[in-house]
Amino acid sequence: NNFISPEDYIIEKFENHDVVILGEMHRIKHDPELVQKVIPLLHKNGIYTVAIEFALYEDQPLIDTLITAPEYDEALAWEINLKALLSIGLGGYQEYCDIFKAAWKVNAVLPKGARKMRILGLNDTLDWSILKTQEDKNNYELRRQIFKNASEKHWADRIKTEVLEKGEKALCYCGMHHAFSKYKQPIADNGKFIRFIEDRFGNYLYAEIKNKVVTIALHHPCVSAKGYEADTVLPVDGKIDILLASLPEDKQYFGFDTSNTPMGTFTSTTSFYKFGYDNFCLRNFCDGYICQGTFSRYEGVTYIKNFVNEANIERVRKFFPNPHFRNASAKEFNNAIASEANIRRHHLKSALKETKKLKSCL
């Protein structure tokens, strides 16, 4: 009776909020595709900015040029994405590049003088060339030099100056841990809570505009209570996956609020996110939730063939975040990027096993 599509759910949230944050796991194909689909709907509803983790703020002039040009320049999109890869370690995938293309398509058919769609790069630029060896990765002084004064507060400040101070609204798209607004991410060791992290992008926005920001989680496996190195676990102990498995396929795509709904009371005992909270449940974690099918139907993003090549190999060797690749070949870089897109092997392996068990129980 309360079914609403993911796209319409996102648009609906702007009725009472100035900033809507979508939090993802990374490299799940339908997540950046959802952002692509919602871009024309945002423009139609008077929301002109999509801010993304996957581009650098220093590249804003390039982004603006790309999405307002008479012809779409795929090579420029890949260059912007390559610079993100060398700063934040995530790049080389077509669906993230196609977010730019979705905005360009909107702008390309607008009448003269109409307000254009904008993609805002949120991230700071980091210099990983400082790391020369694997041992350098654990050198605090070197890492301090890499990050300099980089902060997720800068992301929030960019939303403030580029959007809020102009009386406008924005959709923000980033990793889930950056997306936390009301929720405070815990630090725990050996199953014992230590303290909260309070300096995430969404936390800064919440401190600034309170309930005018809303965090929506995109359905994905969660960090285990056993730690970040352990196999991931099903969200809220599999309750959402039981729900999804009980629905016909055409009803497995929807959004819902976590406050004042039965789903918001779903508890979790197996995820890392429970630490520091009594009777941790979904409404503690996020304000809204979007499902786009069962994990068995998830696909990884599309690797861009020959993303690293002879034209950029020296730059990639110098600035790639992992110093293990300082002397790697283009083939080795491309294989590593392609491998990370194999989410079934890397990120969904345990989740798929657990959902298979749930299905047999149903």
Protein backbone atom coordinates (compact mmCIF):
# COMPACT_ATOMS: atom_id res chain seq x y z
CA ASN A 1 0.00 0.00 0.00
CA ASN A 2 2.96 2.34 0.59
CA PHE A 3 5.12 1.26 -2.36
CA ILE A 4 7.28 3.99 -3.88
CA SER A 5 10.07 3.57 -6.43
CA PRO A 6 13.66 4.47 -5.48
CA GLU A 7 13.61 7.42 -7.90
CA ASP A 8 10.35 8.84 -6.59
CA TYR A 9 11.45 8.24 -3.01
CA ILE A 10 14.57 10.36 -3.51
CA ILE A 11 12.58 13.19 -5.08
CA GLU A 12 9.97 13.00 -2.30
CA LYS A 13 12.66 13.56 0.36
CA PHE A 14 13.37 17.02 -1.07
CA GLU A 15 9.92 18.20 -0.02
CA ASN A 16 11.19 18.64 3.56
CA HIS A 17 14.98 18.48 3.21
CA ASP A 18 17.67 20.61 1.61
CA VAL A 19 20.30 17.88 1.34
CA VAL A 20 19.67 14.22 0.56
CA ILE A 21 22.68 11.93 0.98
CA LEU A 22 22.80 8.53 -0.73
CA GLY A 23 25.28 6.16 0.91
CA GLU A 24 26.64 3.18 -1.06
CA MET A 25 29.09 0.29 -0.59
CA HIS A 26 31.00 1.09 -3.86
CA ARG A 27 31.19 -0.70 -7.21
CA ILE A 28 27.60 -2.01 -7.25
CA LYS A 29 26.38 -1.33 -10.79
CA HIS A 30 22.79 -0.31 -10.06
CA ASP A 31 23.78 2.34 -7.49
CA PRO A 32 25.48 4.82 -9.87
CA GLU A 33 22.85 3.87 -12.45
CA LEU A 34 20.16 5.00 -9.99
CA VAL A 35 21.89 8.37 -9.70
CA GLN A 36 21.94 8.62 -13.50
CA LYS A 37 18.20 7.90 -13.65
CA VAL A 38 17.32 10.45 -11.00
CA ILE A 39 19.32 13.35 -12.50
CA PRO A 40 16.65 14.43 -15.03
CA LEU A 41 13.98 14.11 -12.32
CA LEU A 42 16.01 16.35 -10.03
CA HIS A 43 16.29 19.03 -12.69
CA LYS A 44 12.56 18.81 -13.40
CA ASN A 45 11.90 19.40 -9.69
CA GLY A 46 14.22 22.39 -9.34
CA ILE A 47 17.22 20.60 -7.81
CA TYR A 48 20.26 21.48 -9.89
CA THR A 49 23.25 20.01 -8.02
CA VAL A 50 24.45 16.43 -7.60
CA ALA A 51 27.55 16.36 -5.39
CA ILE A 52 29.74 13.26 -5.61
CA GLU A 53 32.62 11.78 -3.67
CA PHE A 54 34.05 10.40 -6.93
CA ALA A 55 35.44 13.65 -8.30
CA LEU A 56 37.86 16.29 -6.99
CA TYR A 57 36.83 19.82 -6.09
CA GLU A 58 39.93 21.16 -7.81
CA ASP A 59 38.61 19.67 -11.06
CA GLN A 60 35.33 21.62 -10.93
CA PRO A 61 36.24 23.76 -13.96
CA LEU A 62 36.82 20.56 -15.97
CA ILE A 63 33.52 19.07 -14.78
CA ASP A 64 31.61 22.25 -15.65
CA THR A 65 33.20 22.29 -19.11
CA LEU A 66 32.39 18.61 -19.68
CA ILE A 67 28.68 18.72 -18.86
CA THR A 68 27.91 22.02 -20.62
CA ALA A 69 29.84 21.38 -23.85
CA PRO A 70 27.99 21.13 -27.20
CA GLU A 71 29.40 17.61 -27.66
CA TYR A 72 30.08 15.07 -24.92
CA ASP A 73 33.81 14.41 -24.41
CA GLU A 74 34.25 10.86 -23.11
CA ALA A 75 38.02 11.29 -22.91
CA LEU A 76 37.60 14.26 -20.57
CA ALA A 77 35.21 12.26 -18.38
CA TRP A 78 37.81 9.51 -18.11
CA GLU A 79 40.52 12.07 -17.27
CA ILE A 80 38.40 13.49 -14.42
CA ASN A 81 37.77 9.93 -13.22
CA LEU A 82 41.47 9.03 -13.50
CA LYS A 83 42.41 11.95 -11.26
CA ALA A 84 39.88 10.67 -8.72
CA LEU A 85 41.45 7.20 -8.92
CA LEU A 86 44.87 8.65 -8.15
CA SER A 87 43.56 10.63 -5.18
CA ILE A 88 40.84 8.48 -3.58
CA GLY A 89 41.55 5.06 -5.12
CA LEU A 90 38.21 4.60 -6.88
CA GLY A 91 38.09 5.02 -10.63
CA GLY A 92 38.12 3.24 -13.96
CA TYR A 93 34.43 2.31 -14.02
CA GLN A 94 31.97 3.38 -16.70
CA GLU A 95 28.88 3.82 -14.54
CA TYR A 96 30.54 6.48 -12.37
CA CYS A 97 31.73 8.33 -15.49
CA ASP A 98 28.22 8.12 -16.92
CA ILE A 99 26.92 10.29 -14.08
CA PHE A 100 28.58 13.16 -15.93
CA LYS A 101 26.95 12.02 -19.16
CA ALA A 102 23.50 11.94 -17.56
CA ALA A 103 23.91 15.58 -16.52
CA TRP A 104 25.24 16.50 -19.99
CA LYS A 105 22.16 14.91 -21.61
CA VAL A 106 19.88 17.07 -19.49
CA ASN A 107 21.83 20.22 -20.31
CA ALA A 108 22.13 19.43 -24.03
CA VAL A 109 18.39 19.79 -24.66
CA LEU A 110 17.64 22.76 -22.42
CA PRO A 111 16.42 25.96 -24.06
CA LYS A 112 18.81 28.90 -24.15
CA GLY A 113 19.06 30.63 -20.79
CA ALA A 114 17.62 27.71 -18.80
CA ARG A 115 19.29 26.73 -15.53
CA LYS A 116 21.74 23.89 -16.15
CA MET A 117 22.37 20.74 -14.13
CA ARG A 118 25.66 20.65 -12.22
CA ILE A 119 27.86 17.84 -10.92
CA LEU A 120 29.90 19.05 -7.95
CA GLY A 121 33.15 17.29 -7.08
CA LEU A 122 33.45 17.02 -3.30
CA ASN A 123 36.79 15.37 -2.63
CA ASP A 124 40.12 16.80 -1.59
CA THR A 125 43.25 16.09 -3.61
CA LEU A 126 45.75 13.74 -1.95
CA ASP A 127 49.37 13.18 -2.98
CA TRP A 128 50.16 9.46 -2.65
CA SER A 129 53.49 9.78 -4.48
CA ILE A 130 54.98 10.40 -1.02
CA LEU A 131 54.65 6.66 -0.34
CA LYS A 132 57.53 4.81 -2.00
CA THR A 133 57.38 1.37 -0.35
CA GLN A 134 54.85 -0.84 1.40
CA GLU A 135 56.52 -0.01 4.72
CA ASP A 136 55.74 3.67 4.13
CA LYS A 137 52.01 2.91 4.41
CA ASN A 138 52.36 2.65 8.20
CA ASN A 139 54.49 5.77 8.58
CA TYR A 140 52.33 8.32 10.43
CA GLU A 141 54.43 11.32 9.41
CA LEU A 142 54.22 10.41 5.72
CA ARG A 143 50.46 9.88 5.90
CA ARG A 144 50.11 13.26 7.61
CA GLN A 145 51.90 14.82 4.64
CA ILE A 146 49.59 13.01 2.21
CA PHE A 147 46.37 14.17 3.85
CA LYS A 148 47.67 17.63 4.85
CA ASN A 149 44.53 19.44 5.97
CA ALA A 150 42.10 17.22 4.02
CA SER A 151 38.82 16.81 5.86
CA GLU A 152 35.24 15.78 5.25
CA LYS A 153 34.41 19.15 6.76
CA HIS A 154 35.66 20.59 3.48
CA TRP A 155 32.99 18.53 1.71
CA ALA A 156 30.31 19.97 3.98
CA ASP A 157 31.71 23.50 3.54
CA ARG A 158 31.49 23.05 -0.23
CA ILE A 159 27.83 22.11 0.03
CA LYS A 160 27.29 25.12 2.25
CA THR A 161 28.93 27.65 -0.09
CA GLU A 162 28.00 26.11 -3.45
CA VAL A 163 24.41 25.17 -2.57
CA LEU A 164 22.89 26.14 0.78
CA GLU A 165 24.02 29.76 0.91
CA LYS A 166 22.39 30.20 -2.50
CA GLY A 167 19.08 28.94 -1.12
CA GLU A 168 19.28 25.74 -3.14
CA LYS A 169 19.19 21.96 -2.57
CA ALA A 170 21.49 19.09 -3.48
CA LEU A 171 21.66 15.33 -3.83
CA CYS A 172 24.94 14.00 -2.44
CA TYR A 173 26.27 10.58 -3.46
CA CYS A 174 29.12 8.95 -1.55
CA GLY A 175 30.30 5.93 0.41
CA MET A 176 28.06 4.96 3.32
CA HIS A 177 30.58 5.87 6.01
CA HIS A 178 30.75 9.43 4.70
CA ALA A 179 26.96 9.62 4.51
CA PHE A 180 26.22 9.26 8.24
CA SER A 181 24.40 12.34 9.54
CA LYS A 182 22.58 11.70 12.84
CA TYR A 183 24.29 8.33 13.27
CA LYS A 184 27.79 8.31 14.75
CA GLN A 185 30.13 5.60 13.49
CA PRO A 186 31.76 3.58 16.28
CA ILE A 187 35.34 2.52 16.86
CA ALA A 188 35.62 -0.85 18.60
CA ASP A 189 38.34 -3.38 19.29
CA ASN A 190 37.91 -7.07 20.12
CA GLY A 191 34.18 -6.58 20.49
CA LYS A 192 34.48 -3.63 22.88
CA PHE A 193 33.23 -0.15 22.10
CA ILE A 194 35.91 2.56 22.36
CA ARG A 195 34.44 5.82 21.04
CA PHE A 196 32.43 7.42 18.25
CA ILE A 197 33.71 9.03 15.07
CA GLU A 198 32.00 12.42 14.77
CA ASP A 199 33.71 13.97 11.76
CA ARG A 200 31.98 12.37 8.80
CA PHE A 201 30.63 14.50 5.94
CA GLY A 202 27.02 13.92 6.98
CA ASN A 203 27.83 14.61 10.66
CA TYR A 204 29.15 18.04 9.72
CA LEU A 205 26.05 18.79 7.65
CA TYR A 206 23.76 17.66 10.45
CA ALA A 207 25.56 19.96 12.89
CA GLU A 208 24.96 22.81 10.45
CA ILE A 209 21.39 22.26 9.22
CA LYS A 210 19.98 19.56 11.56
CA ASN A 211 16.92 17.80 10.15
CA LYS A 212 17.23 19.55 6.81
CA VAL A 213 19.70 16.77 5.87
CA VAL A 214 18.54 13.18 5.40
CA THR A 215 20.67 10.04 4.95
CA ILE A 216 19.45 7.22 2.73
CA ALA A 217 21.30 3.89 2.75
CA LEU A 218 21.48 1.84 -0.44
CA HIS A 219 21.03 -1.86 0.42
CA HIS A 220 24.41 -3.58 0.76
CA PRO A 221 26.28 -6.02 3.04
CA CYS A 222 27.53 -4.61 6.35
CA VAL A 223 30.81 -4.70 8.24
CA SER A 224 30.82 -7.62 10.68
CA ALA A 225 30.89 -7.16 14.45
CA LYS A 226 34.03 -9.34 14.26
CA GLY A 227 35.83 -6.51 12.49
CA TYR A 228 36.53 -4.98 9.11
CA GLU A 229 38.70 -7.89 8.00
CA ALA A 230 35.97 -10.49 8.65
CA ASP A 231 33.35 -11.54 6.09
CA THR A 232 30.53 -9.03 5.67
CA VAL A 233 27.12 -9.77 7.19
CA LEU A 234 23.54 -9.20 6.09
CA PRO A 235 21.99 -5.87 7.13
CA VAL A 236 19.83 -6.06 10.26
CA ASP A 237 20.56 -9.80 10.59
CA GLY A 238 18.95 -10.62 7.26
CA LYS A 239 15.47 -9.25 7.95
CA ILE A 240 15.42 -7.04 4.85
CA ASP A 241 16.66 -9.94 2.73
CA ILE A 242 13.87 -12.15 4.06
CA LEU A 243 11.44 -9.40 3.09
CA LEU A 244 12.93 -9.09 -0.41
CA ALA A 245 12.91 -12.85 -1.00
CA SER A 246 9.21 -12.97 -0.12
CA LEU A 247 8.27 -10.35 -2.73
CA PRO A 248 7.78 -10.73 -6.50
CA GLU A 249 10.72 -9.37 -8.50
CA ASP A 250 8.83 -6.30 -9.70
CA LYS A 251 8.19 -5.25 -6.08
CA GLN A 252 11.81 -5.56 -4.89
CA TYR A 253 12.67 -1.99 -5.93
CA PHE A 254 11.51 0.59 -3.38
CA GLY A 255 12.40 3.18 -0.79
CA PHE A 256 11.13 3.58 2.77
CA ASP A 257 11.60 5.73 5.86
CA THR A 258 13.13 4.14 8.94
CA SER A 259 11.32 6.32 11.48
CA ASN A 260 7.74 5.35 12.30
CA THR A 261 7.85 2.23 10.11
CA PRO A 262 8.13 -1.47 11.04
CA MET A 263 11.38 -1.79 9.04
CA GLY A 264 13.01 0.92 11.14
CA THR A 265 12.68 -1.28 14.22
CA PHE A 266 14.63 -4.17 12.62
CA THR A 267 17.47 -4.86 15.06
CA SER A 268 21.03 -5.92 14.31
CA THR A 269 23.31 -8.00 16.50
CA THR A 270 25.88 -9.13 13.92
CA SER A 271 27.12 -5.85 12.40
CA PHE A 272 29.91 -3.59 13.59
CA TYR A 273 27.50 -0.66 13.61
CA LYS A 274 25.81 -1.89 16.81
CA PHE A 275 28.72 -0.87 19.05
CA GLY A 276 27.95 2.07 21.32
CA TYR A 277 24.19 1.66 20.92
CA ASP A 278 21.61 -0.10 23.08
CA ASN A 279 19.29 -2.29 21.03
CA PHE A 280 20.76 -0.99 17.76
CA CYS A 281 18.25 -0.94 14.90
CA LEU A 282 17.91 0.37 11.37
CA ARG A 283 16.43 3.74 12.36
CA ASN A 284 19.65 4.48 14.33
CA PHE A 285 21.72 3.86 11.21
CA CYS A 286 19.91 5.93 8.58
CA ASP A 287 16.78 7.97 7.90
CA GLY A 288 15.75 6.17 4.75
CA TYR A 289 16.56 2.97 2.89
CA ILE A 290 16.49 1.90 -0.75
CA CYS A 291 16.31 -1.67 -2.05
CA GLN A 292 17.01 -2.61 -5.66
CA GLY A 293 16.59 -6.37 -5.74
CA THR A 294 18.17 -9.29 -3.93
CA PHE A 295 21.93 -9.75 -3.63
CA SER A 296 21.71 -12.67 -6.07
CA ARG A 297 20.91 -10.12 -8.80
CA TYR A 298 23.68 -7.65 -7.96
CA GLU A 299 26.33 -6.91 -10.60
CA GLY A 300 29.64 -5.12 -10.35
CA VAL A 301 30.38 -1.92 -12.25
CA THR A 302 31.88 -2.06 -15.75
CA TYR A 303 35.66 -1.76 -15.95
CA ILE A 304 36.83 0.66 -18.64
CA LYS A 305 39.10 -1.32 -20.95
CA ASN A 306 42.69 -0.05 -21.05
CA PHE A 307 41.90 2.68 -18.55
CA VAL A 308 45.59 2.71 -17.67
CA ASN A 309 47.66 2.89 -20.84
CA GLU A 310 50.95 4.06 -22.28
CA ALA A 311 49.76 7.67 -22.31
CA ASN A 312 49.15 7.82 -18.53
CA ILE A 313 51.18 4.92 -17.08
CA GLU A 314 53.98 7.06 -15.62
CA ARG A 315 51.51 9.36 -13.86
CA VAL A 316 49.55 6.39 -12.51
CA ARG A 317 52.71 4.69 -11.21
CA LYS A 318 53.73 7.85 -9.40
CA PHE A 319 50.41 8.76 -7.77
CA PHE A 320 48.51 5.47 -7.32
CA PRO A 321 47.49 5.13 -3.63
CA ASN A 322 49.07 1.68 -3.22
CA PRO A 323 52.90 1.88 -3.39
CA HIS A 324 53.02 -1.83 -4.27
CA PHE A 325 52.22 -0.70 -7.83
CA ARG A 326 55.04 1.86 -8.24
CA ASN A 327 56.66 -0.26 -10.98
CA ALA A 328 53.57 -2.08 -12.24
CA SER A 329 52.65 -2.45 -15.88
CA ALA A 330 49.48 -1.04 -17.42
CA LYS A 331 48.14 -4.60 -17.60
CA GLU A 332 48.71 -5.10 -13.85
CA PHE A 333 46.91 -1.85 -13.03
CA ASN A 334 43.99 -2.71 -15.29
CA ASN A 335 43.72 -6.23 -13.88
CA ALA A 336 43.60 -4.80 -10.34
CA ILE A 337 40.87 -2.29 -11.26
CA ALA A 338 38.85 -4.97 -13.05
CA SER A 339 39.26 -7.39 -10.15
CA GLU A 340 37.79 -4.88 -7.66
CA ALA A 341 34.64 -4.76 -9.78
CA ASN A 342 34.09 -8.48 -9.17
CA ILE A 343 31.84 -7.82 -6.19
CA ARG A 344 30.58 -11.40 -6.04
CA ARG A 345 34.07 -12.60 -5.22
CA HIS A 346 35.23 -9.74 -3.02
CA HIS A 347 32.20 -8.22 -1.30
CA LEU A 348 29.12 -10.39 -1.79
CA LYS A 349 30.56 -13.86 -1.25
CA SER A 350 29.37 -14.28 2.33
CA ALA A 351 26.14 -12.35 1.74
CA LEU A 352 25.19 -14.65 -1.14
CA LYS A 353 25.77 -17.71 1.03
CA GLU A 354 23.58 -16.30 3.78
CA THR A 355 20.76 -15.27 1.45
CA LYS A 356 20.81 -18.76 -0.07
CA LYS A 357 20.22 -20.17 3.41
CA LEU A 358 17.40 -17.69 4.00
CA LYS A 359 15.75 -18.67 0.73
CA SER A 360 15.81 -22.33 1.69
CA CYS A 361 14.24 -21.46 5.04
CA LEU A 362 11.42 -19.57 3.31
